[in-house]
Amino acid sequence: MLDDIPLFSMLKGRLSYLNQREQLIAQNVANSDTPGFTPHDLKPFTIASDRGPTLSMSLAPVQTSAAHLAGTAPSAPQGGAFGPQAAPDSETSLNGNKVVLEEEMMKMADARLNYDTALGLYQKSLSMIQLAIKAPGKS
């Protein structure tokens, strides 16, 4: 029932994405000593519509005056699937392992912060709906 509301559907997808991302990062950390291991990460999250193409959250620059420089915007990632992709970090050890624990911990902290934010927004939105359906004058 709540999945019919676009906000809740998007938040559910975001929470699922962040959960999968945390699992991949944990696998990267667990394999930090495995020779030749390349870390993986998920493609960036996009809001997918059940009825159409993936919606983009990016903004394109607009030239509002002839005196302004024409800007370029990076292209939005295509597809809404949470497919893992190779994401080698900046260093490679002598045994060919490409996991950098510091970078993985930064990714984990970022994913955790985003998860907590999405969960808080979900809870607040649910509270607002519960408040809206209460009968007037009743607590």
Protein backbone atom coordinates (compact mmCIF):
# COMPACT_ATOMS: atom_id res chain seq x y z
CA MET A 1 0.00 0.00 0.00
CA LEU A 2 2.76 2.45 0.89
CA ASP A 3 4.62 1.39 -2.28
CA ASP A 4 1.88 3.15 -4.26
CA ILE A 5 3.11 6.48 -2.87
CA PRO A 6 6.11 7.58 -4.98
CA LEU A 7 8.06 8.96 -2.00
CA PHE A 8 7.86 5.67 -0.10
CA SER A 9 8.66 3.66 -3.21
CA MET A 10 11.76 5.78 -3.84
CA LEU A 11 12.87 5.57 -0.20
CA LYS A 12 12.40 1.79 -0.18
CA GLY A 13 14.56 1.51 -3.30
CA ARG A 14 17.21 3.81 -1.79
CA LEU A 15 17.34 1.79 1.44
CA SER A 16 17.65 -1.45 -0.53
CA TYR A 17 20.44 0.06 -2.64
CA LEU A 18 22.36 1.27 0.43
CA ASN A 19 21.95 -2.10 2.14
CA GLN A 20 23.43 -3.88 -0.90
CA ARG A 21 26.24 -1.30 -1.10
CA GLU A 22 27.17 -1.88 2.56
CA GLN A 23 27.30 -5.63 1.90
CA LEU A 24 29.64 -5.15 -1.09
CA ILE A 25 31.92 -2.85 0.90
CA ALA A 26 32.02 -5.42 3.71
CA GLN A 27 33.05 -8.07 1.15
CA ASN A 28 35.79 -5.76 -0.11
CA VAL A 29 37.13 -5.34 3.44
CA ALA A 30 36.91 -9.08 4.09
CA ASN A 31 39.01 -9.72 0.96
CA SER A 32 41.60 -7.04 1.69
CA ASP A 33 44.33 -9.71 1.94
CA THR A 34 43.20 -11.87 -1.00
CA PRO A 35 45.82 -11.79 -3.77
CA GLY A 36 44.57 -10.22 -7.00
CA PHE A 37 41.23 -9.12 -5.53
CA THR A 38 39.58 -6.06 -7.10
CA PRO A 39 37.01 -4.25 -4.94
CA HIS A 40 33.47 -3.74 -6.21
CA ASP A 41 30.88 -1.03 -5.71
CA LEU A 42 27.37 -0.41 -7.01
CA LYS A 43 26.46 1.94 -9.82
CA PRO A 44 25.15 5.26 -8.48
CA PHE A 45 21.53 5.19 -7.30
CA THR A 46 18.92 6.64 -9.63
CA ILE A 47 15.17 6.93 -9.19
CA ALA A 48 13.54 4.38 -11.48
CA SER A 49 9.94 4.64 -12.57
CA ASP A 50 7.87 1.48 -13.04
CA ARG A 51 6.11 3.11 -15.98
CA GLY A 52 9.00 4.58 -17.89
CA PRO A 53 12.69 5.37 -18.14
CA THR A 54 15.02 6.20 -15.30
CA LEU A 55 14.55 9.71 -13.98
CA SER A 56 17.67 11.80 -13.56
CA MET A 57 18.38 14.01 -10.57
CA SER A 58 21.11 16.03 -12.30
CA LEU A 59 20.92 19.68 -13.26
CA ALA A 60 22.24 21.07 -16.51
CA PRO A 61 23.97 24.46 -16.64
CA VAL A 62 22.13 27.20 -18.52
CA GLN A 63 23.80 30.09 -20.31
CA THR A 64 21.71 33.11 -19.25
CA SER A 65 23.83 35.74 -20.96
CA ALA A 66 25.98 35.88 -24.08
CA ALA A 67 28.87 37.01 -21.84
CA HIS A 68 28.74 33.77 -19.83
CA LEU A 69 30.79 30.74 -20.76
CA ALA A 70 28.80 27.80 -22.08
CA GLY A 71 29.01 25.00 -19.52
CA THR A 72 28.82 21.28 -19.87
CA ALA A 73 27.09 18.85 -17.58
CA PRO A 74 28.32 15.33 -16.91
CA SER A 75 26.04 12.73 -18.43
CA ALA A 76 23.73 10.95 -16.02
CA PRO A 77 24.37 7.25 -15.46
CA GLN A 78 22.00 5.04 -17.44
CA GLY A 79 19.97 2.21 -16.00
CA GLY A 80 18.52 1.77 -12.57
CA ALA A 81 19.79 -1.71 -11.68
CA PHE A 82 21.98 -2.18 -8.65
CA GLY A 83 24.60 -4.18 -10.52
CA PRO A 84 28.03 -4.39 -8.91
CA GLN A 85 30.91 -3.06 -10.93
CA ALA A 86 34.64 -3.22 -10.45
CA ALA A 87 35.80 -0.18 -8.50
CA PRO A 88 39.54 -0.45 -7.97
CA ASP A 89 40.90 1.91 -5.35
CA SER A 90 43.90 4.16 -5.85
CA GLU A 91 46.60 1.68 -4.79
CA THR A 92 47.62 -1.86 -5.63
CA SER A 93 49.64 -4.01 -3.22
CA LEU A 94 52.50 -6.27 -4.28
CA ASN A 95 50.19 -9.31 -4.39
CA GLY A 96 47.81 -7.55 -6.84
CA ASN A 97 45.15 -6.72 -4.25
CA LYS A 98 43.53 -3.37 -5.02
CA VAL A 99 41.60 -2.82 -1.76
CA VAL A 100 42.55 0.29 0.25
CA LEU A 101 40.99 -0.06 3.68
CA GLU A 102 40.88 3.69 4.35
CA GLU A 103 38.88 4.30 1.17
CA GLU A 104 36.54 1.40 1.94
CA MET A 105 35.91 2.79 5.43
CA MET A 106 35.10 6.20 3.92
CA LYS A 107 32.64 4.53 1.52
CA MET A 108 31.08 2.62 4.43
CA ALA A 109 30.67 5.78 6.51
CA ASP A 110 29.08 7.56 3.53
CA ALA A 111 26.69 4.67 2.90
CA ARG A 112 25.76 4.50 6.60
CA LEU A 113 25.09 8.24 6.76
CA ASN A 114 22.93 8.06 3.63
CA TYR A 115 21.07 5.03 5.04
CA ASP A 116 20.35 6.82 8.33
CA THR A 117 19.16 9.90 6.44
CA ALA A 118 16.81 7.90 4.18
CA LEU A 119 15.48 5.93 7.16
CA GLY A 120 14.82 9.17 9.09
CA LEU A 121 12.98 10.63 6.11
CA TYR A 122 10.91 7.43 5.79
CA GLN A 123 9.97 7.56 9.49
CA LYS A 124 9.08 11.27 9.39
CA SER A 125 6.96 10.79 6.27
CA LEU A 126 5.14 7.89 7.90
CA SER A 127 4.51 10.01 11.02
CA MET A 128 3.06 12.80 8.88
CA ILE A 129 0.66 10.38 7.18
CA GLN A 130 -0.41 8.96 10.57
CA LEU A 131 -1.02 12.49 11.84
CA ALA A 132 -3.05 13.37 8.73
CA ILE A 133 -5.40 10.37 9.08
CA LYS A 134 -6.22 11.00 12.76
CA ALA A 135 -9.68 12.27 13.50
CA PRO A 136 -9.71 15.96 14.49
CA GLY A 137 -9.59 16.56 18.23
CA LYS A 138 -8.38 13.04 19.09
CA SER A 139 -4.88 12.25 20.26
